[in-house]
Amino acid sequence: MTQIITTSNFKSNARTALDDKNLQKALTHVERGFIGKRRSAMDALPEFDQLRDNARDIKNHTLENLDLYLEAYEEKVTKSGGKVHWAADAEEARNQILKICRDVGAKTVTKGKSMIAEEIGINDFLEENKIEPIETDLGEYIIQLRGETPSHIIAPAVHVLKEQVEEDFRRVHTHLPEARNLEEPESLLDEARKVLREKFLNADVGITGANFLIAETGTSVIVTNEGNGDLTQILPKVHIVLASIEKITPTLEDVSQILRVLARSATGQDMSVYTTFSTGPRREGDPDGPEEYHVILLDNGRSNMIGSEFQDMLRCIRCGSCMNHCPVYHAVGGHAYGWVYPGPMGAVLTPSLMGIKDGGQLPNASTFCGRCEAVCPMRIPLPKMMRSWREREFEKHLNPSLQRWGLKAWAYFAKRPKLYHLAMSFAIPVLSKIGWKKGRIKSLPFAGGWTKYRDLPAPESRTFQQQWAQREALKQEAK
């Protein structure tokens, strides 16, 4: 099965997104809905930055000893009655899930929100094999009805307007009265709840992701605001946890510390409404729970990141804060990035998982303003890693030839200070005269990518070095 991946078309995807009026209207909710709430939550917790340091150190320690903690986790899961399946890539993970489903004769599978499920394309795969996947997170359910992929890792339907959701519900929920009122968000939510409740009760298998896997106890942890994850894992007879290997965390105490920065960074909450810990299948005397508990541990390129300059990316806890604060994401949304992971974290993770040839455009989708690193609860140096990917793209001659020649020309002058100063002494006065009226340049050869959308500030009439030399000369005269 081949997923539709358009990361190499980021520029054209971005242009399409900028021309989409509905999308541009919907994207205003990202900045309004997340940034202020995060700031308030952070200000209310004086030790927030110390917790970020602790969270970073916990994950660094875990990644340095990842093999030991993975083995310890498998041992604990097995002791609790569960089973761990190791998947080297997406195909292996899909086939493992299919076998588990077929072994119990599953016809329907309910799913909690999981970016790993999106990464391996499990929904299309199950449908191809005559098993119906049903998304139970409200946002995921909406985009499943629309035949779309998530545009945000915590708010998958942030690109959809309320009016569009109403149209989709009327189109799909044809068994409900046509004259029903769906104008209010509450009515939409109530309808989704009623439709999905029947799906929960009839599902054969439930699949959830995992925010954390605890090596100390063999526990999987999911963090939600809707409770759909709980129904997905306790009602069916089989629960499958789908997670990547870096989700391992050593102890319950470690998880409790990271949880204190997760929700605050994601939605501005002190804690999510539901934080659910699951350890193995139903035990004797338990009122509910699955008969079987399986964990699919996916690598899919992550082990190659261990020990590399991109290892820090594996600290990511998928809070979405980097994209919530990213001006590029605010402008084009998530679908423009062309695969599962959008925003700054996607600009680093995508080429790490699929290679620079396919994902190399994404590290260029940044202004390098640094907001992503400033707000990251795990202190991941995202701009630094994006620069590293840009360097690799340049070394492999994957960026446009005009861009490469431009950089080479700049490097030629930059390495020769006298020649550089001479060239600037001619160029600066010319550019200054072009924009002398308003201090701005509206059009400039070889800079159309900038001046097409914004003016270029005109430089002063002299270079910095010339102004400095004049200043020093005046100081000497004053003496």
Protein backbone atom coordinates (compact mmCIF):
# COMPACT_ATOMS: atom_id res chain seq x y z
CA MET A 1 0.00 0.00 0.00
CA THR A 2 1.37 3.42 -0.98
CA GLN A 3 0.46 6.52 0.97
CA ILE A 4 -0.05 9.80 -0.88
CA ILE A 5 2.90 11.92 0.22
CA THR A 6 3.36 15.43 -1.19
CA THR A 7 6.16 16.85 0.93
CA SER A 8 8.26 17.50 -2.18
CA ASN A 9 5.45 19.78 -3.43
CA PHE A 10 5.46 22.03 -0.37
CA LYS A 11 5.74 25.25 -2.37
CA SER A 12 2.76 24.50 -4.58
CA ASN A 13 0.84 23.13 -1.56
CA ALA A 14 1.52 26.39 0.27
CA ARG A 15 0.29 28.50 -2.64
CA THR A 16 -2.94 26.49 -2.74
CA ALA A 17 -3.38 26.94 1.02
CA LEU A 18 -2.86 30.69 0.81
CA ASP A 19 -5.61 30.94 -1.81
CA ASP A 20 -8.10 28.85 0.21
CA LYS A 21 -10.42 31.37 1.90
CA ASN A 22 -12.10 28.82 4.17
CA LEU A 23 -8.74 27.52 5.33
CA GLN A 24 -7.43 31.03 6.02
CA LYS A 25 -10.52 31.78 8.08
CA ALA A 26 -10.19 28.54 10.04
CA LEU A 27 -6.48 29.05 10.75
CA THR A 28 -7.19 32.21 12.72
CA HIS A 29 -8.43 29.91 15.51
CA VAL A 30 -4.95 28.40 15.95
CA GLU A 31 -3.35 31.61 17.13
CA ARG A 32 -6.39 32.74 19.13
CA GLY A 33 -7.12 29.36 20.65
CA PHE A 34 -3.71 28.18 21.83
CA ILE A 35 -1.10 30.88 22.38
CA GLY A 36 -2.82 32.93 25.07
CA LYS A 37 -3.95 29.83 26.99
CA ARG A 38 -0.42 28.43 27.04
CA ARG A 39 0.95 31.74 28.30
CA SER A 40 -1.61 31.90 31.10
CA ALA A 41 -0.94 28.31 32.17
CA MET A 42 2.81 28.89 32.16
CA ASP A 43 2.57 32.13 34.15
CA ALA A 44 0.46 30.38 36.77
CA LEU A 45 3.19 27.79 37.40
CA PRO A 46 6.42 29.43 38.65
CA GLU A 47 8.41 26.20 38.31
CA PHE A 48 7.39 25.66 34.66
CA ASP A 49 10.87 26.23 33.24
CA GLN A 50 12.43 23.96 35.86
CA LEU A 51 9.95 21.26 34.88
CA ARG A 52 11.00 21.72 31.25
CA ASP A 53 14.61 21.15 32.23
CA ASN A 54 13.63 18.04 34.18
CA ALA A 55 11.54 16.71 31.28
CA ARG A 56 14.43 17.25 28.87
CA ASP A 57 16.86 15.45 31.18
CA ILE A 58 14.48 12.52 31.69
CA LYS A 59 14.12 11.97 27.94
CA ASN A 60 17.84 12.43 27.31
CA HIS A 61 18.60 9.75 29.90
CA THR A 62 15.98 7.45 28.37
CA LEU A 63 17.31 7.82 24.84
CA GLU A 64 20.86 7.13 26.01
CA ASN A 65 19.63 3.85 27.53
CA LEU A 66 16.75 3.13 25.18
CA ASP A 67 17.57 -0.54 24.59
CA LEU A 68 17.55 -1.31 28.32
CA TYR A 69 14.24 0.44 28.94
CA LEU A 70 12.58 -1.21 25.93
CA GLU A 71 13.60 -4.64 27.21
CA ALA A 72 12.36 -3.79 30.72
CA TYR A 73 9.06 -2.58 29.29
CA GLU A 74 8.54 -5.77 27.27
CA GLU A 75 9.23 -7.88 30.34
CA LYS A 76 6.65 -6.01 32.42
CA VAL A 77 4.00 -6.15 29.67
CA THR A 78 4.50 -9.89 29.34
CA LYS A 79 4.22 -10.41 33.11
CA SER A 80 0.93 -8.50 33.12
CA GLY A 81 -0.52 -10.84 30.49
CA GLY A 82 0.06 -8.66 27.43
CA LYS A 83 2.20 -9.16 24.35
CA VAL A 84 4.72 -6.85 22.69
CA HIS A 85 5.22 -6.95 18.90
CA TRP A 86 8.31 -5.34 17.37
CA ALA A 87 7.84 -3.61 14.00
CA ALA A 88 10.82 -2.41 11.99
CA ASP A 89 8.70 -0.46 9.52
CA ALA A 90 5.14 0.54 8.63
CA GLU A 91 4.42 -2.58 6.58
CA GLU A 92 5.39 -4.89 9.41
CA ALA A 93 3.24 -2.93 11.88
CA ARG A 94 0.21 -3.04 9.55
CA ASN A 95 0.53 -6.79 9.05
CA GLN A 96 0.83 -7.40 12.79
CA ILE A 97 -2.37 -5.44 13.41
CA LEU A 98 -4.15 -7.29 10.62
CA LYS A 99 -3.17 -10.68 12.06
CA ILE A 100 -4.44 -9.73 15.53
CA CYS A 101 -7.74 -8.57 14.01
CA ARG A 102 -8.15 -11.68 11.87
CA ASP A 103 -7.34 -14.00 14.78
CA VAL A 104 -10.48 -12.73 16.57
CA GLY A 105 -12.59 -12.37 13.42
CA ALA A 106 -12.81 -8.60 13.72
CA LYS A 107 -15.16 -6.73 11.39
CA THR A 108 -14.93 -3.28 12.99
CA VAL A 109 -12.12 -1.46 14.78
CA THR A 110 -12.57 1.67 16.87
CA LYS A 111 -9.57 3.99 17.04
CA GLY A 112 -8.39 6.65 19.40
CA LYS A 113 -6.37 9.51 17.93
CA SER A 114 -2.89 8.29 16.97
CA MET A 115 -0.30 9.96 14.77
CA ILE A 116 1.52 6.62 14.47
CA ALA A 117 -1.66 5.14 12.96
CA GLU A 118 -1.53 7.96 10.41
CA GLU A 119 2.17 7.34 9.84
CA ILE A 120 1.61 3.70 8.88
CA GLY A 121 -1.64 4.36 6.98
CA ILE A 122 -3.58 1.79 8.97
CA ASN A 123 -7.10 2.98 8.06
CA ASP A 124 -6.74 2.45 4.32
CA PHE A 125 -4.99 -0.86 4.94
CA LEU A 126 -7.79 -2.18 7.15
CA GLU A 127 -10.43 -1.10 4.64
CA GLU A 128 -8.57 -2.90 1.86
CA ASN A 129 -8.77 -6.02 4.02
CA LYS A 130 -12.54 -5.72 4.67
CA ILE A 131 -12.24 -4.37 8.21
CA GLU A 132 -13.98 -1.08 9.04
CA PRO A 133 -11.88 1.46 11.01
CA ILE A 134 -13.87 4.04 12.97
CA GLU A 135 -12.19 7.17 14.30
CA THR A 136 -13.62 8.12 17.70
CA ASP A 137 -11.83 11.40 18.45
CA LEU A 138 -14.25 14.10 17.30
CA GLY A 139 -11.69 15.86 15.13
CA GLU A 140 -10.48 12.61 13.59
CA TYR A 141 -14.08 11.50 13.03
CA ILE A 142 -14.82 14.73 11.15
CA ILE A 143 -11.84 14.40 8.82
CA GLN A 144 -12.56 10.71 8.27
CA LEU A 145 -16.00 11.70 6.99
CA ARG A 146 -14.31 14.24 4.72
CA GLY A 147 -11.70 11.79 3.44
CA GLU A 148 -8.87 13.99 4.75
CA THR A 149 -5.81 13.62 6.94
CA PRO A 150 -5.12 15.58 10.15
CA SER A 151 -3.82 19.11 9.73
CA HIS A 152 -2.65 19.41 13.35
CA ILE A 153 -1.34 16.77 15.75
CA ILE A 154 -3.68 17.67 18.63
CA ALA A 155 -6.51 19.43 16.75
CA PRO A 156 -6.78 17.35 13.56
CA ALA A 157 -9.80 19.23 12.19
CA VAL A 158 -8.62 22.76 13.01
CA HIS A 159 -8.80 23.58 9.28
CA VAL A 160 -12.56 22.84 9.10
CA LEU A 161 -15.25 25.45 9.75
CA LYS A 162 -18.38 24.69 11.78
CA GLU A 163 -20.55 25.16 8.69
CA GLN A 164 -18.53 22.53 6.85
CA VAL A 165 -18.96 20.06 9.72
CA GLU A 166 -22.74 20.56 9.56
CA GLU A 167 -22.71 19.84 5.83
CA ASP A 168 -20.72 16.65 6.37
CA PHE A 169 -22.97 15.41 9.18
CA ARG A 170 -26.08 15.96 7.06
CA ARG A 171 -24.42 14.20 4.12
CA VAL A 172 -23.37 11.13 6.13
CA HIS A 173 -25.91 10.81 8.95
CA THR A 174 -28.85 10.27 6.61
CA HIS A 175 -30.65 8.05 9.14
CA LEU A 176 -31.34 11.10 11.35
CA PRO A 177 -34.20 13.62 10.83
CA GLU A 178 -33.43 16.06 8.06
CA ALA A 179 -34.97 19.01 9.93
CA ARG A 180 -32.78 18.62 13.03
CA ASN A 181 -30.94 21.69 14.31
CA LEU A 182 -27.16 21.54 13.80
CA GLU A 183 -26.39 25.23 14.00
CA GLU A 184 -24.77 25.16 17.44
CA PRO A 185 -21.48 23.42 18.25
CA GLU A 186 -23.21 21.60 21.12
CA SER A 187 -25.71 20.02 18.73
CA LEU A 188 -22.92 18.81 16.47
CA LEU A 189 -21.10 17.32 19.44
CA ASP A 190 -24.27 15.62 20.72
CA GLU A 191 -24.95 14.07 17.32
CA ALA A 192 -21.40 12.73 17.03
CA ARG A 193 -21.65 11.28 20.53
CA LYS A 194 -24.87 9.41 19.72
CA VAL A 195 -23.56 8.03 16.43
CA LEU A 196 -20.26 6.92 17.90
CA ARG A 197 -21.74 5.31 21.03
CA GLU A 198 -23.19 2.48 18.92
CA LYS A 199 -19.81 2.03 17.23
CA PHE A 200 -18.06 1.71 20.61
CA LEU A 201 -20.47 -1.00 21.76
CA ASN A 202 -20.16 -3.09 18.60
CA ALA A 203 -16.40 -2.86 17.97
CA ASP A 204 -14.33 -6.06 17.99
CA VAL A 205 -10.92 -4.41 18.43
CA GLY A 206 -9.83 -1.05 19.82
CA ILE A 207 -6.63 0.70 18.75
CA THR A 208 -5.11 3.56 20.70
CA GLY A 209 -1.84 5.38 20.52
CA ALA A 210 0.27 6.10 23.58
CA ASN A 211 1.59 9.37 24.90
CA PHE A 212 3.94 7.41 27.16
CA LEU A 213 5.01 3.81 27.79
CA ILE A 214 6.31 3.20 31.31
CA ALA A 215 9.20 0.75 31.61
CA GLU A 216 8.79 0.40 35.37
CA THR A 217 5.27 -1.06 35.15
CA GLY A 218 4.60 -2.01 31.52
CA THR A 219 1.87 0.64 31.39
CA SER A 220 0.60 2.64 28.41
CA VAL A 221 -0.67 6.18 28.99
CA ILE A 222 -3.10 8.16 26.85
CA VAL A 223 -4.02 11.81 27.36
CA THR A 224 -7.40 12.94 25.99
CA ASN A 225 -10.16 15.48 26.57
CA GLU A 226 -13.10 13.44 25.27
CA GLY A 227 -12.91 10.06 26.99
CA ASN A 228 -13.12 8.30 23.64
CA GLY A 229 -9.76 6.65 24.27
CA ASP A 230 -11.11 4.97 27.41
CA LEU A 231 -14.13 3.55 25.57
CA THR A 232 -11.87 2.41 22.75
CA GLN A 233 -9.69 0.32 25.03
CA ILE A 234 -12.09 -1.09 27.63
CA LEU A 235 -15.15 -2.10 25.55
CA PRO A 236 -13.70 -4.28 22.74
CA LYS A 237 -12.30 -7.70 23.56
CA VAL A 238 -8.90 -6.75 22.15
CA HIS A 239 -6.89 -3.60 22.85
CA ILE A 240 -3.95 -2.75 20.56
CA VAL A 241 -1.53 -0.03 21.67
CA LEU A 242 0.31 1.45 18.69
CA ALA A 243 3.40 3.46 19.66
CA SER A 244 6.89 4.35 18.48
CA ILE A 245 9.94 3.24 20.41
CA GLU A 246 10.85 6.68 21.80
CA LYS A 247 7.61 6.85 23.81
CA ILE A 248 9.32 4.83 26.55
CA THR A 249 9.72 6.64 29.89
CA PRO A 250 11.50 4.99 32.86
CA THR A 251 9.12 5.43 35.81
CA LEU A 252 5.71 6.63 36.93
CA GLU A 253 7.40 9.55 38.69
CA ASP A 254 9.10 10.56 35.42
CA VAL A 255 5.78 10.51 33.56
CA SER A 256 4.12 12.60 36.27
CA GLN A 257 6.72 15.33 35.76
CA ILE A 258 6.37 15.38 31.97
CA LEU A 259 2.57 15.43 32.24
CA ARG A 260 2.82 18.76 34.08
CA VAL A 261 4.28 20.43 30.97
CA LEU A 262 2.34 18.47 28.32
CA ALA A 263 -1.21 19.81 28.69
CA ARG A 264 -0.04 23.30 29.61
CA SER A 265 2.00 23.45 26.39
CA ALA A 266 -0.69 21.87 24.22
CA THR A 267 -4.03 23.36 25.27
CA GLY A 268 -3.24 25.58 28.24
CA GLN A 269 -4.83 23.14 30.70
CA ASP A 270 -3.23 22.14 33.97
CA MET A 271 -4.03 18.54 33.03
CA SER A 272 -6.13 17.01 30.28
CA VAL A 273 -9.63 15.87 31.25
CA TYR A 274 -8.62 12.21 30.96
CA THR A 275 -5.18 10.76 31.70
CA THR A 276 -5.56 6.99 31.46
CA PHE A 277 -3.06 4.34 32.58
CA SER A 278 -3.53 0.82 31.17
CA THR A 279 -1.53 -2.23 32.22
CA GLY A 280 -2.29 -5.52 30.48
CA PRO A 281 -5.62 -7.23 29.79
CA ARG A 282 -8.54 -7.62 32.18
CA ARG A 283 -7.64 -9.40 35.40
CA GLU A 284 -9.89 -11.58 37.51
CA GLY A 285 -12.28 -9.32 39.36
CA ASP A 286 -11.91 -6.36 36.99
CA PRO A 287 -15.31 -4.88 36.03
CA ASP A 288 -14.21 -4.18 32.45
CA GLY A 289 -11.26 -4.23 30.10
CA PRO A 290 -10.05 -6.23 27.10
CA GLU A 291 -9.40 -9.95 27.03
CA GLU A 292 -6.22 -9.37 25.02
CA TYR A 293 -3.66 -6.57 25.30
CA HIS A 294 -1.14 -6.07 22.48
CA VAL A 295 1.55 -3.41 22.04
CA ILE A 296 3.00 -2.67 18.58
CA LEU A 297 6.38 -0.97 19.02
CA LEU A 298 7.32 0.81 15.78
CA ASP A 299 10.82 1.85 14.75
CA ASN A 300 10.32 3.09 11.17
CA GLY A 301 13.63 4.97 11.03
CA ARG A 302 13.85 6.22 14.60
CA SER A 303 16.75 4.00 15.64
CA ASN A 304 18.78 5.67 12.89
CA MET A 305 18.29 8.98 14.69
CA ILE A 306 19.87 7.67 17.90
CA GLY A 307 23.38 9.06 18.21
CA SER A 308 22.87 11.47 15.31
CA GLU A 309 22.53 15.25 15.32
CA PHE A 310 18.75 14.70 15.17
CA GLN A 311 18.43 12.57 18.32
CA ASP A 312 16.98 15.51 20.27
CA MET A 313 13.89 15.32 18.04
CA LEU A 314 13.01 12.03 19.75
CA ARG A 315 12.28 13.99 22.95
CA CYS A 316 9.11 15.33 21.31
CA ILE A 317 5.90 14.63 23.27
CA ARG A 318 3.55 15.76 20.46
CA CYS A 319 2.08 18.77 22.27
CA GLY A 320 1.78 20.84 19.08
CA SER A 321 3.11 23.98 20.75
CA CYS A 322 5.73 24.56 18.05
CA MET A 323 3.12 24.71 15.27
CA ASN A 324 0.74 26.74 17.44
CA HIS A 325 3.38 29.48 17.54
CA CYS A 326 4.81 29.09 14.03
CA PRO A 327 4.03 31.94 11.57
CA VAL A 328 4.49 29.59 8.61
CA TYR A 329 1.96 27.10 10.01
CA HIS A 330 -0.42 29.98 10.74
CA ALA A 331 -0.25 30.92 7.05
CA VAL A 332 -0.57 27.54 5.32
CA GLY A 333 -1.90 25.01 7.83
CA GLY A 334 -0.86 21.39 8.17
CA HIS A 335 -1.83 19.79 4.87
CA ALA A 336 0.71 21.88 2.96
CA TYR A 337 3.48 19.89 4.67
CA GLY A 338 2.38 16.86 2.68
CA TRP A 339 2.61 14.09 5.29
CA VAL A 340 1.70 13.24 8.86
CA TYR A 341 3.77 15.74 10.84
CA PRO A 342 3.34 19.48 10.13
CA GLY A 343 4.97 22.60 11.52
CA PRO A 344 8.53 22.90 12.86
CA MET A 345 8.54 19.42 14.43
CA GLY A 346 7.48 17.96 11.07
CA ALA A 347 10.17 19.95 9.29
CA VAL A 348 12.74 18.01 11.33
CA LEU A 349 11.03 14.63 11.84
CA THR A 350 9.77 14.08 8.28
CA PRO A 351 13.18 14.16 6.55
CA SER A 352 14.56 12.11 9.45
CA LEU A 353 12.05 9.34 8.75
CA MET A 354 11.68 9.45 4.97
CA GLY A 355 14.96 10.99 3.88
CA ILE A 356 16.16 14.37 2.67
CA LYS A 357 15.23 13.66 -0.97
CA ASP A 358 11.51 13.43 -0.18
CA GLY A 359 11.33 15.65 2.92
CA GLY A 360 13.99 18.22 2.13
CA GLN A 361 11.66 21.11 1.30
CA LEU A 362 10.17 21.23 4.79
CA PRO A 363 13.23 22.56 6.70
CA ASN A 364 13.06 25.56 4.36
CA ALA A 365 9.53 26.33 5.59
CA SER A 366 10.77 28.44 8.48
CA THR A 367 11.49 32.08 9.22
CA PHE A 368 13.95 30.95 11.95
CA CYS A 369 12.21 33.31 14.36
CA GLY A 370 12.97 30.77 17.12
CA ARG A 371 9.49 30.74 18.65
CA CYS A 372 9.24 26.96 18.25
CA GLU A 373 12.32 26.31 20.38
CA ALA A 374 11.32 28.99 22.89
CA VAL A 375 7.96 27.32 23.64
CA CYS A 376 8.95 23.64 23.32
CA PRO A 377 8.36 21.94 26.69
CA MET A 378 11.20 19.51 25.93
CA ARG A 379 13.62 22.27 24.85
CA ILE A 380 14.21 20.72 21.43
CA PRO A 381 16.57 22.89 19.31
CA LEU A 382 14.34 22.84 16.22
CA PRO A 383 15.96 25.74 14.29
CA LYS A 384 19.40 24.19 14.73
CA MET A 385 18.22 20.87 13.30
CA MET A 386 16.40 22.57 10.43
CA ARG A 387 19.66 24.32 9.57
CA SER A 388 21.40 20.95 9.59
CA TRP A 389 18.87 19.57 7.11
CA ARG A 390 19.32 22.65 4.91
CA GLU A 391 23.06 22.03 4.89
CA ARG A 392 22.54 18.41 3.87
CA GLU A 393 20.14 19.46 1.13
CA PHE A 394 22.77 21.88 -0.21
CA GLU A 395 25.55 19.27 -0.01
CA LYS A 396 23.47 16.79 -2.02
CA HIS A 397 22.54 19.43 -4.65
CA LEU A 398 18.83 18.92 -3.97
CA ASN A 399 17.83 22.58 -3.76
CA PRO A 400 17.28 24.70 -6.90
CA SER A 401 20.41 25.42 -8.93
CA LEU A 402 19.78 29.18 -8.85
CA GLN A 403 19.68 29.08 -5.06
CA ARG A 404 22.92 27.08 -4.91
CA TRP A 405 24.70 29.47 -7.26
CA GLY A 406 23.46 32.43 -5.23
CA LEU A 407 24.83 30.92 -2.02
CA LYS A 408 28.12 30.10 -3.70
CA ALA A 409 28.41 33.67 -4.99
CA TRP A 410 27.71 35.07 -1.52
CA ALA A 411 30.25 32.65 0.01
CA TYR A 412 32.86 33.70 -2.53
CA PHE A 413 32.56 37.34 -1.48
CA ALA A 414 32.12 36.57 2.25
CA LYS A 415 35.43 34.69 2.31
CA ARG A 416 37.22 37.69 0.77
CA PRO A 417 36.54 40.67 3.07
CA LYS A 418 38.24 43.29 0.91
CA LEU A 419 36.31 42.20 -2.18
CA TYR A 420 33.10 42.01 -0.15
CA HIS A 421 33.54 45.55 1.20
CA LEU A 422 34.30 46.85 -2.29
CA ALA A 423 31.21 45.22 -3.77
CA MET A 424 29.00 46.51 -0.95
CA SER A 425 30.38 50.03 -1.31
CA PHE A 426 28.95 50.03 -4.85
CA ALA A 427 25.75 48.06 -4.19
CA ILE A 428 24.51 49.88 -1.08
CA PRO A 429 24.33 53.37 -2.63
CA VAL A 430 22.52 51.96 -5.68
CA LEU A 431 19.93 50.15 -3.56
CA SER A 432 19.56 53.23 -1.38
CA LYS A 433 18.72 55.38 -4.42
CA ILE A 434 16.17 52.83 -5.68
CA GLY A 435 14.21 53.09 -2.43
CA TRP A 436 15.03 56.68 -1.52
CA LYS A 437 11.43 57.97 -1.57
CA LYS A 438 9.84 55.77 1.08
CA GLY A 439 12.75 53.74 2.33
CA ARG A 440 11.35 50.59 0.67
CA ILE A 441 12.07 48.65 -2.51
CA LYS A 442 8.97 47.23 -4.21
CA SER A 443 10.71 45.14 -6.85
CA LEU A 444 14.22 43.79 -7.24
CA PRO A 445 15.79 41.28 -9.66
CA PHE A 446 16.65 37.89 -8.11
CA ALA A 447 14.58 38.80 -5.02
CA GLY A 448 11.10 38.26 -6.47
CA GLY A 449 10.30 35.60 -3.89
CA TRP A 450 10.43 38.37 -1.28
CA THR A 451 9.25 41.49 -3.12
CA LYS A 452 6.24 39.73 -4.67
CA TYR A 453 4.56 39.69 -1.27
CA ARG A 454 6.31 42.44 0.73
CA ASP A 455 8.58 45.43 0.30
CA LEU A 456 12.31 45.12 0.91
CA PRO A 457 13.68 47.71 3.35
CA ALA A 458 16.09 49.99 1.52
CA PRO A 459 19.59 50.18 3.05
CA GLU A 460 21.26 53.35 4.29
CA SER A 461 23.41 55.23 1.81
CA ARG A 462 26.60 53.79 3.28
CA THR A 463 27.70 50.40 4.51
CA PHE A 464 28.02 49.64 8.21
CA GLN A 465 31.80 49.52 7.89
CA GLN A 466 31.85 52.96 6.28
CA GLN A 467 29.64 54.42 9.00
CA TRP A 468 31.82 52.82 11.70
CA ALA A 469 35.01 54.14 10.13
CA GLN A 470 33.53 57.65 10.00
CA ARG A 471 32.47 57.40 13.64
CA GLU A 472 35.95 56.31 14.73
CA ALA A 473 37.52 59.11 12.70
CA LEU A 474 35.31 61.68 14.43
CA LYS A 475 36.36 60.26 17.82
CA GLN A 476 40.00 60.67 16.92
CA GLU A 477 39.44 64.25 15.77
CA ALA A 478 37.69 65.03 19.05
CA LYS A 479 40.75 63.89 20.97
